[in-house]
Every structure is written in structure tokens, then in C-alpha cells.
């Protein structure tokens, strides 16, 4: 199967290196801005698909051309714009709700990353189950691996943690990720421990204003770090060096951060919302979104070393079941069905 990838000009060289057998086409410079990109997707992208002789056009992020000139497949990553609307601003919520409904009507095949997302689309939007394909995300076992002691020490040194233990969060700071309640739960869980572990909240800044309010409530003797983005090469050391990776999300289309932590041999504490149990199974610990319950469950896990060891091993073994090769096979099968 021949592959042509359309990318922003800033990404074209990187995709050319990653996909040496693909034809990588740089989109016009103007589409770097979202409004122009959305407009070009409806007009310029179908023309480009025609020029490269595409038999199927795949849109990887909710939206798709209305008149593509060939069958279209589209990835809908989650249904949380419908199930958790309060966690999005009105403009974003309105746009993505409309985009998802349009894609479900127009696309020949719809690809989703979990059965939970498929079931939500069917339940909430009366989507046709016969055109939805579930392609689980994978995890790169080379990029996300059980780190060496040297890798862990390097990250601790960069974060200024020394030999102190810590709880890790890695992800976007969106309201749906529940970071404020994680901060409150961690604070209550460790405040009276003789050697309280730090909380390190890493990742992009996001748009959750309640995080600053939660930070202001943290007692002065506890240590909370917000380093922002970490170097990609440091992620195994960061995740694998943590006592616990905590991800008490209100719901995910897949939940890649918990899979990456599992692949690094880290015990995970998350919630049983939407797709997260599909990924974690019996290999992770579960809590709720409430800060008091997070505090209780996190403290229990921090004080039970044997359970952390058991979860770490079970999570590492389970992570091996999720591969990008398997995901690619589902995508290719969906494209073939669309072309036929």
C-alpha cells in the first residue's frame, strides 16, 4: 500500500526521516494557523488527494473534508465533548461536537482507540457500529522502558529531587485530567508522613485555572514541582523513577499516559472511567476523582511496597499487549474496506 502524508511545513522533514518510503507533502505555510488549516482541509486537501491519486483519504483528528472526491476515514479519539462537556470551553465544545457528528455521517469508516469510545458514540450519537473500527494505541517499548538507575538519577538531579521519592503526573493540564484534585489528594495523603514524597506535575501548561488555586493550598513543608515539558529521552527515567504514577482523569478516549507509565515499570493509580480500565485491566490501582478518595488510595499504595511491586510487574507485562504494529494492521484493514 502506497502512502502519502500531508504535514505542516515545519514537520515535513521529520516525517520524511520517519517514513522514508512515504511521499511526504508539505501543506501551504498559511495553514499553520487553525482557521486557515480548517478551511484548507475542505478545499485544498481534496485537490491534493486527487493530485497524488489517493484511493482513501484519512483524517487523523476528528474533522474531515465534506467533499473529498474519494472515500474518507477519520479518527475520533474520544467522546468526552459529549460525556464531560463541563471540562471544555464553549467554543471548543461546540466545534468538536459538530465535527464528530459530521464525521460520523460522512466518513466511510471511523477509527476509535477503544471500545469505550465506540460504545459512547453508538449510545450518544446513534453511530452505525458496522463502520467503526477499534484500533488501540501502542507503546514504543524502546522509548518507554524500565529505566536504569543512571536514567533515574539523571532525572532526579535535573529536577533537584536528590534521593527523595516522588509521585509523577505526566500529561496536559486540561480540566478533564483532574490535576487540581490530584494535588489536593496528594497533599492530604502525605502531609503527616515523616518523609513525604514530592509531587511532580510534568507536561504542557494547559488551561486549568483551578491548578493554581490547588497549589496555593499546599502546606509549606511539602514539595510540588511543575517543570513543564520534559525531554523525551528523560521520560522513562521520570516515570520509572516514581513511587507511583497518578492519573485520576475524569475519562479518556484511550489513556496513553498510563500505558507509557506501565511500560516503564511504574505502579499506576487511575480511575475506572471510560477506556482506562480497558488499558489498565487488573494491572493498575483505581481511585475516584474525589480528592479525599485520591488521598486514601494514594496513601495506601505509597505505604504498601509489595503492592507497588506487584502492580509494576503486572503493568509492565500488560503494556506488551499494546503495539503500534497491531494498531497499524487495524488502520490498513479499515482503509482497504473504505476503498472497496
C-alpha atoms as a PDB file:
ATOM      1  CA  UNK A   1       0.000   0.000   0.000  1.00  0.00           C
ATOM      2  CA  UNK A   2       1.462   3.367  -1.059  1.00  0.00           C
ATOM      3  CA  UNK A   3       1.313   6.165   1.499  1.00  0.00           C
ATOM      4  CA  UNK A   4       1.286   9.933   1.072  1.00  0.00           C
ATOM      5  CA  UNK A   5       1.483  12.049   4.236  1.00  0.00           C
ATOM      6  CA  UNK A   6       0.403  15.685   4.264  1.00  0.00           C
ATOM      7  CA  UNK A   7       2.146  17.631   7.027  1.00  0.00           C
ATOM      8  CA  UNK A   8       2.807  21.170   8.142  1.00  0.00           C
ATOM      9  CA  UNK A   9       5.959  22.581   6.582  1.00  0.00           C
ATOM     10  CA  UNK A  10       7.639  22.597   9.990  1.00  0.00           C
ATOM     11  CA  UNK A  11       7.041  18.831  10.306  1.00  0.00           C
ATOM     12  CA  UNK A  12       7.692  17.689   6.735  1.00  0.00           C
ATOM     13  CA  UNK A  13      11.405  16.963   7.188  1.00  0.00           C
ATOM     14  CA  UNK A  14      10.775  14.955  10.365  1.00  0.00           C
ATOM     15  CA  UNK A  15       8.126  12.810   8.665  1.00  0.00           C
ATOM     16  CA  UNK A  16      10.447  12.265   5.700  1.00  0.00           C
ATOM     17  CA  UNK A  17      13.041  10.789   8.073  1.00  0.00           C
ATOM     18  CA  UNK A  18      10.470   8.700   9.934  1.00  0.00           C
ATOM     19  CA  UNK A  19       8.736   7.407   6.796  1.00  0.00           C
ATOM     20  CA  UNK A  20      11.404   7.046   4.090  1.00  0.00           C
ATOM     21  CA  UNK A  21       9.071   5.032   1.819  1.00  0.00           C
ATOM     22  CA  UNK A  22       6.200   7.521   2.030  1.00  0.00           C
ATOM     23  CA  UNK A  23       5.599  10.568  -0.135  1.00  0.00           C
ATOM     24  CA  UNK A  24       5.624  13.488   2.297  1.00  0.00           C
ATOM     25  CA  UNK A  25       3.839  16.608   1.043  1.00  0.00           C
ATOM     26  CA  UNK A  26       4.221  19.934   2.829  1.00  0.00           C
ATOM     27  CA  UNK A  27       0.997  21.895   3.197  1.00  0.00           C
ATOM     28  CA  UNK A  28       0.971  25.626   2.377  1.00  0.00           C
ATOM     29  CA  UNK A  29       2.666  27.794   5.004  1.00  0.00           C
ATOM     30  CA  UNK A  30      -0.590  29.619   5.757  1.00  0.00           C
ATOM     31  CA  UNK A  31      -2.218  26.519   7.264  1.00  0.00           C
ATOM     32  CA  UNK A  32      -0.041  26.762  10.357  1.00  0.00           C
ATOM     33  CA  UNK A  33      -2.939  28.719  11.867  1.00  0.00           C
ATOM     34  CA  UNK A  34      -6.045  26.735  12.772  1.00  0.00           C
ATOM     35  CA  UNK A  35      -8.733  28.724  10.900  1.00  0.00           C
ATOM     36  CA  UNK A  36      -6.702  28.601   7.690  1.00  0.00           C
ATOM     37  CA  UNK A  37      -5.940  24.928   8.213  1.00  0.00           C
ATOM     38  CA  UNK A  38      -9.608  24.041   8.649  1.00  0.00           C
ATOM     39  CA  UNK A  39     -10.537  25.999   5.531  1.00  0.00           C
ATOM     40  CA  UNK A  40      -7.737  24.367   3.520  1.00  0.00           C
ATOM     41  CA  UNK A  41      -8.845  20.926   4.717  1.00  0.00           C
ATOM     42  CA  UNK A  42     -12.180  21.495   2.955  1.00  0.00           C
ATOM     43  CA  UNK A  43     -10.736  22.844  -0.296  1.00  0.00           C
ATOM     44  CA  UNK A  44      -7.001  22.330  -0.789  1.00  0.00           C
ATOM     45  CA  UNK A  45      -6.690  18.881   0.761  1.00  0.00           C
ATOM     46  CA  UNK A  46      -9.216  17.199  -1.593  1.00  0.00           C
ATOM     47  CA  UNK A  47      -7.355  18.700  -4.565  1.00  0.00           C
ATOM     48  CA  UNK A  48      -4.070  17.424  -3.218  1.00  0.00           C
ATOM     49  CA  UNK A  49      -5.575  13.964  -2.653  1.00  0.00           C
ATOM     50  CA  UNK A  50      -6.642  13.974  -6.291  1.00  0.00           C
ATOM     51  CA  UNK A  51      -3.147  15.008  -7.442  1.00  0.00           C
ATOM     52  CA  UNK A  52      -1.439  12.144  -5.599  1.00  0.00           C
ATOM     53  CA  UNK A  53      -4.087   9.665  -6.787  1.00  0.00           C
ATOM     54  CA  UNK A  54      -5.375   8.809  -3.310  1.00  0.00           C
ATOM     55  CA  UNK A  55      -7.873   5.970  -3.135  1.00  0.00           C
ATOM     56  CA  UNK A  56      -8.633   6.788   0.512  1.00  0.00           C
ATOM     57  CA  UNK A  57      -8.123   9.988   2.498  1.00  0.00           C
ATOM     58  CA  UNK A  58      -7.547   9.524   6.239  1.00  0.00           C
ATOM     59  CA  UNK A  59      -8.102  12.418   8.644  1.00  0.00           C
ATOM     60  CA  UNK A  60      -6.414  11.696  11.999  1.00  0.00           C
ATOM     61  CA  UNK A  61      -8.131  14.253  14.253  1.00  0.00           C
ATOM     62  CA  UNK A  62     -11.940  14.408  14.356  1.00  0.00           C
ATOM     63  CA  UNK A  63     -12.529  16.549  11.239  1.00  0.00           C
ATOM     64  CA  UNK A  64     -12.683  15.568   7.566  1.00  0.00           C
ATOM     65  CA  UNK A  65     -13.385  17.150   4.161  1.00  0.00           C
ATOM     66  CA  UNK A  66     -17.072  17.204   3.259  1.00  0.00           C
ATOM     67  CA  UNK A  67     -16.335  16.573  -0.434  1.00  0.00           C
ATOM     68  CA  UNK A  68     -13.091  14.671  -0.716  1.00  0.00           C
ATOM     69  CA  UNK A  69     -13.532  13.037  -4.131  1.00  0.00           C
ATOM     70  CA  UNK A  70     -12.619   9.650  -2.622  1.00  0.00           C
ATOM     71  CA  UNK A  71     -13.658   7.588   0.440  1.00  0.00           C
ATOM     72  CA  UNK A  72     -12.716   9.202   3.756  1.00  0.00           C
ATOM     73  CA  UNK A  73     -11.746   7.590   7.049  1.00  0.00           C
ATOM     74  CA  UNK A  74     -11.430   9.631  10.221  1.00  0.00           C
ATOM     75  CA  UNK A  75     -10.129   9.066  13.742  1.00  0.00           C
ATOM     76  CA  UNK A  76     -12.418  10.132  16.582  1.00  0.00           C
ATOM     77  CA  UNK A  77     -10.216   9.983  19.663  1.00  0.00           C
ATOM     78  CA  UNK A  78     -12.919  10.252  22.323  1.00  0.00           C
ATOM     79  CA  UNK A  79     -16.497  11.259  23.067  1.00  0.00           C
ATOM     80  CA  UNK A  80     -15.731  13.394  26.124  1.00  0.00           C
ATOM     81  CA  UNK A  81     -17.033  16.533  24.398  1.00  0.00           C
ATOM     82  CA  UNK A  82     -20.410  14.879  24.987  1.00  0.00           C
ATOM     83  CA  UNK A  83     -19.804  12.920  28.216  1.00  0.00           C
ATOM     84  CA  UNK A  84     -17.746  15.590  30.040  1.00  0.00           C
ATOM     85  CA  UNK A  85     -18.887  18.879  28.428  1.00  0.00           C
ATOM     86  CA  UNK A  86     -18.202  20.942  31.545  1.00  0.00           C
ATOM     87  CA  UNK A  87     -14.466  20.394  31.095  1.00  0.00           C
ATOM     88  CA  UNK A  88     -14.283  22.302  27.794  1.00  0.00           C
ATOM     89  CA  UNK A  89     -14.872  25.945  26.962  1.00  0.00           C
ATOM     90  CA  UNK A  90     -17.973  26.648  24.903  1.00  0.00           C
ATOM     91  CA  UNK A  91     -16.175  27.379  21.621  1.00  0.00           C
ATOM     92  CA  UNK A  92     -14.101  24.189  21.665  1.00  0.00           C
ATOM     93  CA  UNK A  93     -17.007  22.064  22.834  1.00  0.00           C
ATOM     94  CA  UNK A  94     -19.326  23.372  20.121  1.00  0.00           C
ATOM     95  CA  UNK A  95     -16.750  22.929  17.355  1.00  0.00           C
ATOM     96  CA  UNK A  96     -15.745  19.364  18.194  1.00  0.00           C
ATOM     97  CA  UNK A  97     -19.301  18.201  18.820  1.00  0.00           C
ATOM     98  CA  UNK A  98     -20.234  19.411  15.347  1.00  0.00           C
ATOM     99  CA  UNK A  99     -17.069  17.924  13.806  1.00  0.00           C
ATOM    100  CA  UNK A 100     -17.689  14.497  15.349  1.00  0.00           C
ATOM    101  CA  UNK A 101     -21.318  14.401  14.201  1.00  0.00           C
ATOM    102  CA  UNK A 102     -20.265  15.412  10.685  1.00  0.00           C
ATOM    103  CA  UNK A 103     -17.506  12.804  10.540  1.00  0.00           C
ATOM    104  CA  UNK A 104     -19.877  10.068  11.671  1.00  0.00           C
ATOM    105  CA  UNK A 105     -22.220  10.984   8.821  1.00  0.00           C
ATOM    106  CA  UNK A 106     -19.625  11.489   6.097  1.00  0.00           C
ATOM    107  CA  UNK A 107     -16.814   9.017   6.721  1.00  0.00           C
ATOM    108  CA  UNK A 108     -16.735   5.573   5.143  1.00  0.00           C
ATOM    109  CA  UNK A 109     -15.001   4.209   8.239  1.00  0.00           C
ATOM    110  CA  UNK A 110     -14.466   5.720  11.693  1.00  0.00           C
ATOM    111  CA  UNK A 111     -11.436   4.616  13.715  1.00  0.00           C
ATOM    112  CA  UNK A 112     -11.516   4.906  17.520  1.00  0.00           C
ATOM    113  CA  UNK A 113      -8.839   3.986  20.097  1.00  0.00           C
ATOM    114  CA  UNK A 114     -11.059   1.980  22.469  1.00  0.00           C
ATOM    115  CA  UNK A 115     -14.272   0.002  22.781  1.00  0.00           C
ATOM    116  CA  UNK A 116     -15.437   2.549  25.348  1.00  0.00           C
ATOM    117  CA  UNK A 117     -15.230   5.333  22.761  1.00  0.00           C
ATOM    118  CA  UNK A 118     -17.045   3.173  20.204  1.00  0.00           C
ATOM    119  CA  UNK A 119     -19.799   2.387  22.685  1.00  0.00           C
ATOM    120  CA  UNK A 120     -20.203   6.047  23.671  1.00  0.00           C
ATOM    121  CA  UNK A 121     -20.553   7.131  20.042  1.00  0.00           C
ATOM    122  CA  UNK A 122     -23.207   4.471  19.495  1.00  0.00           C
ATOM    123  CA  UNK A 123     -25.070   5.307  22.713  1.00  0.00           C
ATOM    124  CA  UNK A 124     -24.950   9.093  22.477  1.00  0.00           C
ATOM    125  CA  UNK A 125     -24.995   9.735  18.726  1.00  0.00           C
ATOM    126  CA  UNK A 126     -26.636   6.623  17.323  1.00  0.00           C
ATOM    127  CA  UNK A 127     -23.485   5.911  15.309  1.00  0.00           C
ATOM    128  CA  UNK A 128     -23.519   2.926  12.962  1.00  0.00           C
ATOM    129  CA  UNK A 129     -21.483   0.209  14.732  1.00  0.00           C
ATOM    130  CA  UNK A 130     -20.713  -1.538  11.438  1.00  0.00           C
ATOM    131  CA  UNK A 131     -18.469   1.318  10.245  1.00  0.00           C
ATOM    132  CA  UNK A 132     -16.467   1.790  13.474  1.00  0.00           C
ATOM    133  CA  UNK A 133     -13.093   0.079  13.878  1.00  0.00           C
ATOM    134  CA  UNK A 134     -11.284  -0.108  17.241  1.00  0.00           C
ATOM    135  CA  UNK A 135      -7.528   0.415  16.911  1.00  0.00           C
ATOM    136  CA  UNK A 136      -5.853   0.502  20.302  1.00  0.00           C
ATOM    137  CA  UNK A 137      -2.854   2.765  20.624  1.00  0.00           C
ATOM    138  CA  UNK A 138       0.506   1.108  21.122  1.00  0.00           C
ATOM    139  CA  UNK A 139       3.523   1.925  23.203  1.00  0.00           C
ATOM    140  CA  UNK A 140       7.087   2.110  21.901  1.00  0.00           C
ATOM    141  CA  UNK A 141       8.923  -0.347  24.161  1.00  0.00           C
ATOM    142  CA  UNK A 142      12.235   1.222  23.179  1.00  0.00           C
ATOM    143  CA  UNK A 143      11.237   4.781  24.010  1.00  0.00           C
ATOM    144  CA  UNK A 144       9.288   3.753  27.124  1.00  0.00           C
ATOM    145  CA  UNK A 145      11.217   1.128  29.054  1.00  0.00           C
ATOM    146  CA  UNK A 146      12.203   0.219  32.589  1.00  0.00           C
ATOM    147  CA  UNK A 147      14.939   2.798  33.226  1.00  0.00           C
ATOM    148  CA  UNK A 148      18.398   2.175  34.564  1.00  0.00           C
ATOM    149  CA  UNK A 149      19.440   3.647  37.899  1.00  0.00           C
ATOM    150  CA  UNK A 150      21.539   6.125  35.934  1.00  0.00           C
ATOM    151  CA  UNK A 151      18.495   7.303  33.956  1.00  0.00           C
ATOM    152  CA  UNK A 152      16.507   7.753  37.156  1.00  0.00           C
ATOM    153  CA  UNK A 153      19.337   9.624  38.857  1.00  0.00           C
ATOM    154  CA  UNK A 154      19.749  11.965  35.885  1.00  0.00           C
ATOM    155  CA  UNK A 155      16.094  12.989  36.045  1.00  0.00           C
ATOM    156  CA  UNK A 156      16.126  13.412  39.815  1.00  0.00           C
ATOM    157  CA  UNK A 157      19.206  15.615  39.504  1.00  0.00           C
ATOM    158  CA  UNK A 158      17.609  17.767  36.796  1.00  0.00           C
ATOM    159  CA  UNK A 159      14.500  18.193  38.915  1.00  0.00           C
ATOM    160  CA  UNK A 160      16.522  18.890  42.051  1.00  0.00           C
ATOM    161  CA  UNK A 161      15.000  15.941  43.905  1.00  0.00           C
ATOM    162  CA  UNK A 162      18.169  14.289  45.149  1.00  0.00           C
ATOM    163  CA  UNK A 163      17.242  10.901  46.592  1.00  0.00           C
ATOM    164  CA  UNK A 164      13.707  11.942  47.538  1.00  0.00           C
ATOM    165  CA  UNK A 165      10.789   9.842  46.395  1.00  0.00           C
ATOM    166  CA  UNK A 166       8.031  11.384  44.302  1.00  0.00           C
ATOM    167  CA  UNK A 167       4.618  10.840  42.741  1.00  0.00           C
ATOM    168  CA  UNK A 168       4.528  11.537  38.987  1.00  0.00           C
ATOM    169  CA  UNK A 169       1.891  13.028  36.730  1.00  0.00           C
ATOM    170  CA  UNK A 170       2.592  13.424  33.017  1.00  0.00           C
ATOM    171  CA  UNK A 171       0.029  14.958  30.682  1.00  0.00           C
ATOM    172  CA  UNK A 172      -1.844  18.037  29.571  1.00  0.00           C
ATOM    173  CA  UNK A 173      -3.196  20.399  32.243  1.00  0.00           C
ATOM    174  CA  UNK A 174      -6.767  20.255  30.984  1.00  0.00           C
ATOM    175  CA  UNK A 175      -9.723  20.235  33.403  1.00  0.00           C
ATOM    176  CA  UNK A 176     -10.555  16.675  32.315  1.00  0.00           C
ATOM    177  CA  UNK A 177      -7.210  15.444  33.682  1.00  0.00           C
ATOM    178  CA  UNK A 178      -8.246  16.396  37.246  1.00  0.00           C
ATOM    179  CA  UNK A 179      -4.851  17.790  38.255  1.00  0.00           C
ATOM    180  CA  UNK A 180      -6.251  20.119  40.972  1.00  0.00           C
ATOM    181  CA  UNK A 181      -7.836  17.199  42.835  1.00  0.00           C
ATOM    182  CA  UNK A 182      -4.661  15.165  42.380  1.00  0.00           C
ATOM    183  CA  UNK A 183      -2.717  17.981  44.069  1.00  0.00           C
ATOM    184  CA  UNK A 184      -5.252  18.155  46.908  1.00  0.00           C
ATOM    185  CA  UNK A 185      -5.355  14.377  47.292  1.00  0.00           C
ATOM    186  CA  UNK A 186      -1.560  14.045  47.303  1.00  0.00           C
ATOM    187  CA  UNK A 187      -1.244  16.834  49.863  1.00  0.00           C
ATOM    188  CA  UNK A 188      -3.701  15.136  52.223  1.00  0.00           C
ATOM    189  CA  UNK A 189      -2.115  11.729  51.670  1.00  0.00           C
ATOM    190  CA  UNK A 190       1.460  12.686  52.551  1.00  0.00           C
ATOM    191  CA  UNK A 191       1.206  15.739  54.817  1.00  0.00           C
ATOM    192  CA  UNK A 192       1.875  13.849  58.068  1.00  0.00           C
ATOM    193  CA  UNK A 193       4.356  11.302  56.687  1.00  0.00           C
ATOM    194  CA  UNK A 194       7.864  11.547  58.164  1.00  0.00           C
ATOM    195  CA  UNK A 195       9.479  11.772  54.719  1.00  0.00           C
ATOM    196  CA  UNK A 196       6.676  12.943  52.398  1.00  0.00           C
ATOM    197  CA  UNK A 197       7.252  12.251  48.702  1.00  0.00           C
ATOM    198  CA  UNK A 198       7.089  15.204  46.333  1.00  0.00           C
ATOM    199  CA  UNK A 199       4.534  15.581  43.571  1.00  0.00           C
ATOM    200  CA  UNK A 200       5.921  16.322  40.109  1.00  0.00           C
ATOM    201  CA  UNK A 201       3.322  17.559  37.617  1.00  0.00           C
ATOM    202  CA  UNK A 202       5.018  17.480  34.210  1.00  0.00           C
ATOM    203  CA  UNK A 203       3.712  18.330  30.744  1.00  0.00           C
ATOM    204  CA  UNK A 204       2.284  21.326  28.922  1.00  0.00           C
ATOM    205  CA  UNK A 205       0.734  24.245  30.775  1.00  0.00           C
ATOM    206  CA  UNK A 206      -2.838  23.760  29.549  1.00  0.00           C
ATOM    207  CA  UNK A 207      -5.801  25.878  30.609  1.00  0.00           C
ATOM    208  CA  UNK A 208      -6.993  24.713  34.039  1.00  0.00           C
ATOM    209  CA  UNK A 209      -7.125  27.791  36.275  1.00  0.00           C
ATOM    210  CA  UNK A 210      -8.011  25.698  39.317  1.00  0.00           C
ATOM    211  CA  UNK A 211      -4.478  24.265  39.389  1.00  0.00           C
ATOM    212  CA  UNK A 212      -3.029  27.492  40.800  1.00  0.00           C
ATOM    213  CA  UNK A 213      -5.703  27.558  43.493  1.00  0.00           C
ATOM    214  CA  UNK A 214      -4.868  23.976  44.467  1.00  0.00           C
ATOM    215  CA  UNK A 215      -1.149  24.778  44.545  1.00  0.00           C
ATOM    216  CA  UNK A 216      -1.811  27.693  46.901  1.00  0.00           C
ATOM    217  CA  UNK A 217      -3.417  25.254  49.371  1.00  0.00           C
ATOM    218  CA  UNK A 218      -0.326  23.004  49.629  1.00  0.00           C
ATOM    219  CA  UNK A 219       1.362  23.172  53.066  1.00  0.00           C
ATOM    220  CA  UNK A 220       4.770  24.831  53.047  1.00  0.00           C
ATOM    221  CA  UNK A 221       6.644  21.705  54.162  1.00  0.00           C
ATOM    222  CA  UNK A 222       5.521  19.708  51.095  1.00  0.00           C
ATOM    223  CA  UNK A 223       7.269  19.884  47.754  1.00  0.00           C
ATOM    224  CA  UNK A 224       5.367  20.322  44.492  1.00  0.00           C
ATOM    225  CA  UNK A 225       7.269  20.696  41.210  1.00  0.00           C
ATOM    226  CA  UNK A 226       5.863  21.834  37.865  1.00  0.00           C
ATOM    227  CA  UNK A 227       8.773  21.504  35.411  1.00  0.00           C
ATOM    228  CA  UNK A 228       6.670  21.818  32.236  1.00  0.00           C
ATOM    229  CA  UNK A 229       7.738  19.710  29.280  1.00  0.00           C
ATOM    230  CA  UNK A 230      10.480  17.170  29.923  1.00  0.00           C
ATOM    231  CA  UNK A 231      12.949  15.958  27.343  1.00  0.00           C
ATOM    232  CA  UNK A 232      11.616  12.908  25.530  1.00  0.00           C
ATOM    233  CA  UNK A 233      14.731  10.937  26.476  1.00  0.00           C
ATOM    234  CA  UNK A 234      14.060  11.670  30.155  1.00  0.00           C
ATOM    235  CA  UNK A 235      10.520  10.265  30.244  1.00  0.00           C
ATOM    236  CA  UNK A 236      11.486   6.654  31.145  1.00  0.00           C
ATOM    237  CA  UNK A 237      13.652   7.927  33.994  1.00  0.00           C
ATOM    238  CA  UNK A 238      10.888  10.260  35.167  1.00  0.00           C
ATOM    239  CA  UNK A 239       8.051   7.727  35.026  1.00  0.00           C
ATOM    240  CA  UNK A 240      10.108   4.705  36.012  1.00  0.00           C
ATOM    241  CA  UNK A 241      11.721   6.541  38.920  1.00  0.00           C
ATOM    242  CA  UNK A 242       8.407   7.480  40.538  1.00  0.00           C
ATOM    243  CA  UNK A 243       6.913   5.674  43.515  1.00  0.00           C
ATOM    244  CA  UNK A 244       3.529   5.954  41.780  1.00  0.00           C
ATOM    245  CA  UNK A 245       2.306   7.439  38.502  1.00  0.00           C
ATOM    246  CA  UNK A 246      -1.040   9.088  39.305  1.00  0.00           C
ATOM    247  CA  UNK A 247      -3.612   9.875  36.624  1.00  0.00           C
ATOM    248  CA  UNK A 248      -7.069  10.430  38.205  1.00  0.00           C
ATOM    249  CA  UNK A 249      -8.753  11.541  34.970  1.00  0.00           C
ATOM    250  CA  UNK A 250     -12.480  12.115  34.540  1.00  0.00           C
ATOM    251  CA  UNK A 251     -12.303   9.990  31.383  1.00  0.00           C
ATOM    252  CA  UNK A 252     -10.127   9.231  28.364  1.00  0.00           C
ATOM    253  CA  UNK A 253     -10.622   8.016  24.829  1.00  0.00           C
ATOM    254  CA  UNK A 254      -7.656   5.739  25.453  1.00  0.00           C
ATOM    255  CA  UNK A 255      -5.328   6.869  28.241  1.00  0.00           C
ATOM    256  CA  UNK A 256      -1.878   6.654  26.664  1.00  0.00           C
ATOM    257  CA  UNK A 257      -0.094   8.189  29.706  1.00  0.00           C
ATOM    258  CA  UNK A 258      -0.993   5.235  31.933  1.00  0.00           C
ATOM    259  CA  UNK A 259       0.194   2.772  29.275  1.00  0.00           C
ATOM    260  CA  UNK A 260       3.527   4.592  28.960  1.00  0.00           C
ATOM    261  CA  UNK A 261       3.968   4.529  32.743  1.00  0.00           C
ATOM    262  CA  UNK A 262       3.141   0.804  32.809  1.00  0.00           C
ATOM    263  CA  UNK A 263       5.771   0.181  30.117  1.00  0.00           C
ATOM    264  CA  UNK A 264       8.320   1.943  32.361  1.00  0.00           C
ATOM    265  CA  UNK A 265       7.609  -0.483  35.193  1.00  0.00           C
ATOM    266  CA  UNK A 266       5.754   2.043  37.343  1.00  0.00           C
ATOM    267  CA  UNK A 267       2.743   1.275  39.562  1.00  0.00           C
ATOM    268  CA  UNK A 268      -0.217   3.316  38.293  1.00  0.00           C
ATOM    269  CA  UNK A 269      -3.165   4.842  40.146  1.00  0.00           C
ATOM    270  CA  UNK A 270      -6.014   5.946  37.885  1.00  0.00           C
ATOM    271  CA  UNK A 271      -9.815   5.979  37.682  1.00  0.00           C
ATOM    272  CA  UNK A 272     -12.187   3.368  36.206  1.00  0.00           C
ATOM    273  CA  UNK A 273     -13.669   5.903  33.792  1.00  0.00           C
ATOM    274  CA  UNK A 274     -14.409   5.223  30.116  1.00  0.00           C
ATOM    275  CA  UNK A 275     -11.445   3.493  28.446  1.00  0.00           C
ATOM    276  CA  UNK A 276      -8.999   3.500  31.363  1.00  0.00           C
ATOM    277  CA  UNK A 277      -9.974   0.006  32.620  1.00  0.00           C
ATOM    278  CA  UNK A 278      -9.561  -1.291  29.054  1.00  0.00           C
ATOM    279  CA  UNK A 279      -5.946  -0.212  29.179  1.00  0.00           C
ATOM    280  CA  UNK A 280      -5.120  -0.860  32.828  1.00  0.00           C
ATOM    281  CA  UNK A 281      -7.165  -4.003  33.484  1.00  0.00           C
ATOM    282  CA  UNK A 282      -6.149  -5.628  36.767  1.00  0.00           C
ATOM    283  CA  UNK A 283      -2.615  -4.274  36.442  1.00  0.00           C
ATOM    284  CA  UNK A 284      -3.262  -0.805  37.918  1.00  0.00           C
ATOM    285  CA  UNK A 285      -4.756   0.630  41.088  1.00  0.00           C
ATOM    286  CA  UNK A 286      -8.048   2.512  40.929  1.00  0.00           C
ATOM    287  CA  UNK A 287      -9.409   5.509  42.771  1.00  0.00           C
ATOM    288  CA  UNK A 288     -12.102   8.099  42.095  1.00  0.00           C
ATOM    289  CA  UNK A 289     -11.974  11.746  41.029  1.00  0.00           C
ATOM    290  CA  UNK A 290     -12.635  12.964  44.576  1.00  0.00           C
ATOM    291  CA  UNK A 291      -9.592  14.404  46.440  1.00  0.00           C
ATOM    292  CA  UNK A 292     -10.407  12.617  49.712  1.00  0.00           C
ATOM    293  CA  UNK A 293     -10.634   9.263  47.969  1.00  0.00           C
ATOM    294  CA  UNK A 294      -7.453  10.007  46.000  1.00  0.00           C
ATOM    295  CA  UNK A 295      -5.758  10.785  49.321  1.00  0.00           C
ATOM    296  CA  UNK A 296      -6.850   7.478  50.865  1.00  0.00           C
ATOM    297  CA  UNK A 297      -5.970   5.306  47.869  1.00  0.00           C
ATOM    298  CA  UNK A 298      -2.676   7.059  47.157  1.00  0.00           C
ATOM    299  CA  UNK A 299      -1.564   6.813  50.782  1.00  0.00           C
ATOM    300  CA  UNK A 300      -2.461   3.118  50.919  1.00  0.00           C
ATOM    301  CA  UNK A 301      -0.396   2.488  47.785  1.00  0.00           C
ATOM    302  CA  UNK A 302       2.565   4.551  48.993  1.00  0.00           C
ATOM    303  CA  UNK A 303       2.640   2.581  52.250  1.00  0.00           C
ATOM    304  CA  UNK A 304       2.353  -0.846  50.598  1.00  0.00           C
ATOM    305  CA  UNK A 305       5.651  -1.547  48.857  1.00  0.00           C
ATOM    306  CA  UNK A 306       4.732  -5.125  47.961  1.00  0.00           C
ATOM    307  CA  UNK A 307       1.568  -3.994  46.179  1.00  0.00           C
ATOM    308  CA  UNK A 308       3.547  -1.390  44.246  1.00  0.00           C
ATOM    309  CA  UNK A 309       5.998  -4.093  43.148  1.00  0.00           C
ATOM    310  CA  UNK A 310       3.132  -6.372  42.107  1.00  0.00           C
ATOM    311  CA  UNK A 311       1.373  -3.635  40.113  1.00  0.00           C
ATOM    312  CA  UNK A 312       4.623  -2.537  38.474  1.00  0.00           C
ATOM    313  CA  UNK A 313       5.311  -6.052  37.171  1.00  0.00           C
ATOM    314  CA  UNK A 314       1.702  -6.644  36.109  1.00  0.00           C
ATOM    315  CA  UNK A 315       1.559  -3.288  34.334  1.00  0.00           C
ATOM    316  CA  UNK A 316       4.831  -3.907  32.515  1.00  0.00           C
ATOM    317  CA  UNK A 317       3.586  -7.294  31.288  1.00  0.00           C
ATOM    318  CA  UNK A 318       0.221  -5.879  30.210  1.00  0.00           C
ATOM    319  CA  UNK A 319       1.831  -2.998  28.323  1.00  0.00           C
ATOM    320  CA  UNK A 320       3.444  -5.516  25.976  1.00  0.00           C
ATOM    321  CA  UNK A 321      -0.021  -6.371  24.636  1.00  0.00           C
ATOM    322  CA  UNK A 322      -0.425  -2.889  23.110  1.00  0.00           C
ATOM    323  CA  UNK A 323       1.710  -2.491  19.985  1.00  0.00           C
ATOM    324  CA  UNK A 324       1.761   0.040  17.166  1.00  0.00           C
ATOM    325  CA  UNK A 325       2.038  -2.866  14.716  1.00  0.00           C
ATOM    326  CA  UNK A 326      -1.388  -4.107  15.827  1.00  0.00           C
ATOM    327  CA  UNK A 327      -2.787  -0.585  15.573  1.00  0.00           C
ATOM    328  CA  UNK A 328      -1.381  -0.224  12.058  1.00  0.00           C
ATOM    329  CA  UNK A 329      -2.978  -3.511  10.972  1.00  0.00           C
ATOM    330  CA  UNK A 330      -6.426  -2.253  12.030  1.00  0.00           C
ATOM    331  CA  UNK A 331      -5.892   1.042  10.205  1.00  0.00           C
ATOM    332  CA  UNK A 332      -4.810  -0.689   6.997  1.00  0.00           C
ATOM    333  CA  UNK A 333      -7.799  -3.039   7.141  1.00  0.00           C
ATOM    334  CA  UNK A 334     -10.130  -0.047   7.619  1.00  0.00           C
ATOM    335  CA  UNK A 335      -8.595   1.769   4.641  1.00  0.00           C
ATOM    336  CA  UNK A 336      -8.977  -1.328   2.470  1.00  0.00           C
ATOM    337  CA  UNK A 337     -12.628  -1.665   3.464  1.00  0.00           C
ATOM    338  CA  UNK A 338     -13.190   2.009   2.667  1.00  0.00           C
ATOM    339  CA  UNK A 339     -11.509   1.671  -0.733  1.00  0.00           C
ATOM    340  CA  UNK A 340     -13.699  -1.311  -1.588  1.00  0.00           C
END
